[in-house]
Amino acid sequence: MTRSRKLALSIIFLVIFMTIGYVLLLFAYTGPRWVAFIIFLLYIFILYFLIITTRRVIKALKEKEEE
């Protein structure tokens, strides 16, 4: 298995477990819903930039492997 596939697989697992963690947090949290919404926006923000950064790194790794 190549480095880029290992990285992609680890990021996929990270996203899955982050989502599970957020859902469990929603079940346990009993405070105001606007705080949960702010946490959701923060989760989306982190997820977006994680995916963008991972795409760039995977692209660079594939180019390096082809050389």
C-alpha atoms as a PDB file:
ATOM      1  CA  MET A   1       0.000   0.000   0.000  1.00  0.00           C
ATOM      2  CA  THR A   2       1.412   3.375  -0.969  1.00  0.00           C
ATOM      3  CA  ARG A   3       1.894   6.332   1.315  1.00  0.00           C
ATOM      4  CA  SER A   4      -0.875   8.334  -0.306  1.00  0.00           C
ATOM      5  CA  ARG A   5      -3.405   5.543   0.211  1.00  0.00           C
ATOM      6  CA  LYS A   6      -2.352   5.099   3.831  1.00  0.00           C
ATOM      7  CA  LEU A   7      -2.768   8.819   4.405  1.00  0.00           C
ATOM      8  CA  ALA A   8      -6.167   8.884   2.712  1.00  0.00           C
ATOM      9  CA  LEU A   9      -7.328   5.887   4.744  1.00  0.00           C
ATOM     10  CA  SER A  10      -6.225   7.485   8.009  1.00  0.00           C
ATOM     11  CA  ILE A  11      -7.988  10.743   7.127  1.00  0.00           C
ATOM     12  CA  ILE A  12     -11.170   8.827   6.270  1.00  0.00           C
ATOM     13  CA  PHE A  13     -11.071   7.137   9.674  1.00  0.00           C
ATOM     14  CA  LEU A  14     -10.414  10.500  11.335  1.00  0.00           C
ATOM     15  CA  VAL A  15     -13.466  12.039   9.655  1.00  0.00           C
ATOM     16  CA  ILE A  16     -15.658   9.059  10.572  1.00  0.00           C
ATOM     17  CA  PHE A  17     -14.640   9.127  14.228  1.00  0.00           C
ATOM     18  CA  MET A  18     -14.926  12.929  14.419  1.00  0.00           C
ATOM     19  CA  THR A  19     -18.485  12.608  13.140  1.00  0.00           C
ATOM     20  CA  ILE A  20     -19.301   9.867  15.634  1.00  0.00           C
ATOM     21  CA  GLY A  21     -17.827  11.995  18.418  1.00  0.00           C
ATOM     22  CA  TYR A  22     -19.932  14.987  17.411  1.00  0.00           C
ATOM     23  CA  VAL A  23     -23.110  12.898  17.314  1.00  0.00           C
ATOM     24  CA  LEU A  24     -22.354  11.464  20.759  1.00  0.00           C
ATOM     25  CA  LEU A  25     -21.702  14.979  22.021  1.00  0.00           C
ATOM     26  CA  LEU A  26     -25.127  16.048  20.759  1.00  0.00           C
ATOM     27  CA  PHE A  27     -26.770  13.188  22.637  1.00  0.00           C
ATOM     28  CA  ALA A  28     -25.010  14.044  25.905  1.00  0.00           C
ATOM     29  CA  TYR A  29     -25.156  17.859  25.741  1.00  0.00           C
ATOM     30  CA  THR A  30     -28.108  19.419  27.534  1.00  0.00           C
ATOM     31  CA  GLY A  31     -27.204  23.091  27.207  1.00  0.00           C
ATOM     32  CA  PRO A  32     -28.468  25.688  24.748  1.00  0.00           C
ATOM     33  CA  ARG A  33     -28.800  24.600  21.142  1.00  0.00           C
ATOM     34  CA  TRP A  34     -26.971  27.649  19.795  1.00  0.00           C
ATOM     35  CA  VAL A  35     -23.768  26.402  21.445  1.00  0.00           C
ATOM     36  CA  ALA A  36     -24.214  23.034  19.707  1.00  0.00           C
ATOM     37  CA  PHE A  37     -24.734  24.901  16.431  1.00  0.00           C
ATOM     38  CA  ILE A  38     -21.508  26.876  16.924  1.00  0.00           C
ATOM     39  CA  ILE A  39     -19.664  23.619  17.575  1.00  0.00           C
ATOM     40  CA  PHE A  40     -21.207  22.222  14.392  1.00  0.00           C
ATOM     41  CA  LEU A  41     -19.953  25.215  12.392  1.00  0.00           C
ATOM     42  CA  LEU A  42     -16.497  24.748  13.903  1.00  0.00           C
ATOM     43  CA  TYR A  43     -16.629  21.043  13.000  1.00  0.00           C
ATOM     44  CA  ILE A  44     -17.535  21.883   9.374  1.00  0.00           C
ATOM     45  CA  PHE A  45     -14.764  24.507   9.214  1.00  0.00           C
ATOM     46  CA  ILE A  46     -12.126  22.042  10.471  1.00  0.00           C
ATOM     47  CA  LEU A  47     -13.423  19.294   8.196  1.00  0.00           C
ATOM     48  CA  TYR A  48     -13.318  21.545   5.128  1.00  0.00           C
ATOM     49  CA  PHE A  49      -9.723  22.638   5.650  1.00  0.00           C
ATOM     50  CA  LEU A  50      -8.653  19.110   6.591  1.00  0.00           C
ATOM     51  CA  ILE A  51      -9.967  17.791   3.295  1.00  0.00           C
ATOM     52  CA  ILE A  52      -8.391  20.611   1.273  1.00  0.00           C
ATOM     53  CA  THR A  53      -5.009  20.121   2.936  1.00  0.00           C
ATOM     54  CA  THR A  54      -5.170  16.350   2.570  1.00  0.00           C
ATOM     55  CA  ARG A  55      -5.920  16.630  -1.159  1.00  0.00           C
ATOM     56  CA  ARG A  56      -2.842  18.804  -1.641  1.00  0.00           C
ATOM     57  CA  VAL A  57      -0.614  16.447   0.325  1.00  0.00           C
ATOM     58  CA  ILE A  58      -1.911  13.361  -1.493  1.00  0.00           C
ATOM     59  CA  LYS A  59      -1.381  15.059  -4.846  1.00  0.00           C
ATOM     60  CA  ALA A  60       2.206  15.916  -3.879  1.00  0.00           C
ATOM     61  CA  LEU A  61       2.838  12.368  -2.656  1.00  0.00           C
ATOM     62  CA  LYS A  62       1.519  10.881  -5.901  1.00  0.00           C
ATOM     63  CA  GLU A  63       3.747  13.185  -7.940  1.00  0.00           C
ATOM     64  CA  LYS A  64       6.734  12.184  -5.838  1.00  0.00           C
ATOM     65  CA  GLU A  65       5.930   8.482  -6.226  1.00  0.00           C
ATOM     66  CA  GLU A  66       5.751   8.844 -10.016  1.00  0.00           C
ATOM     67  CA  GLU A  67       9.258  10.317 -10.202  1.00  0.00           C
END
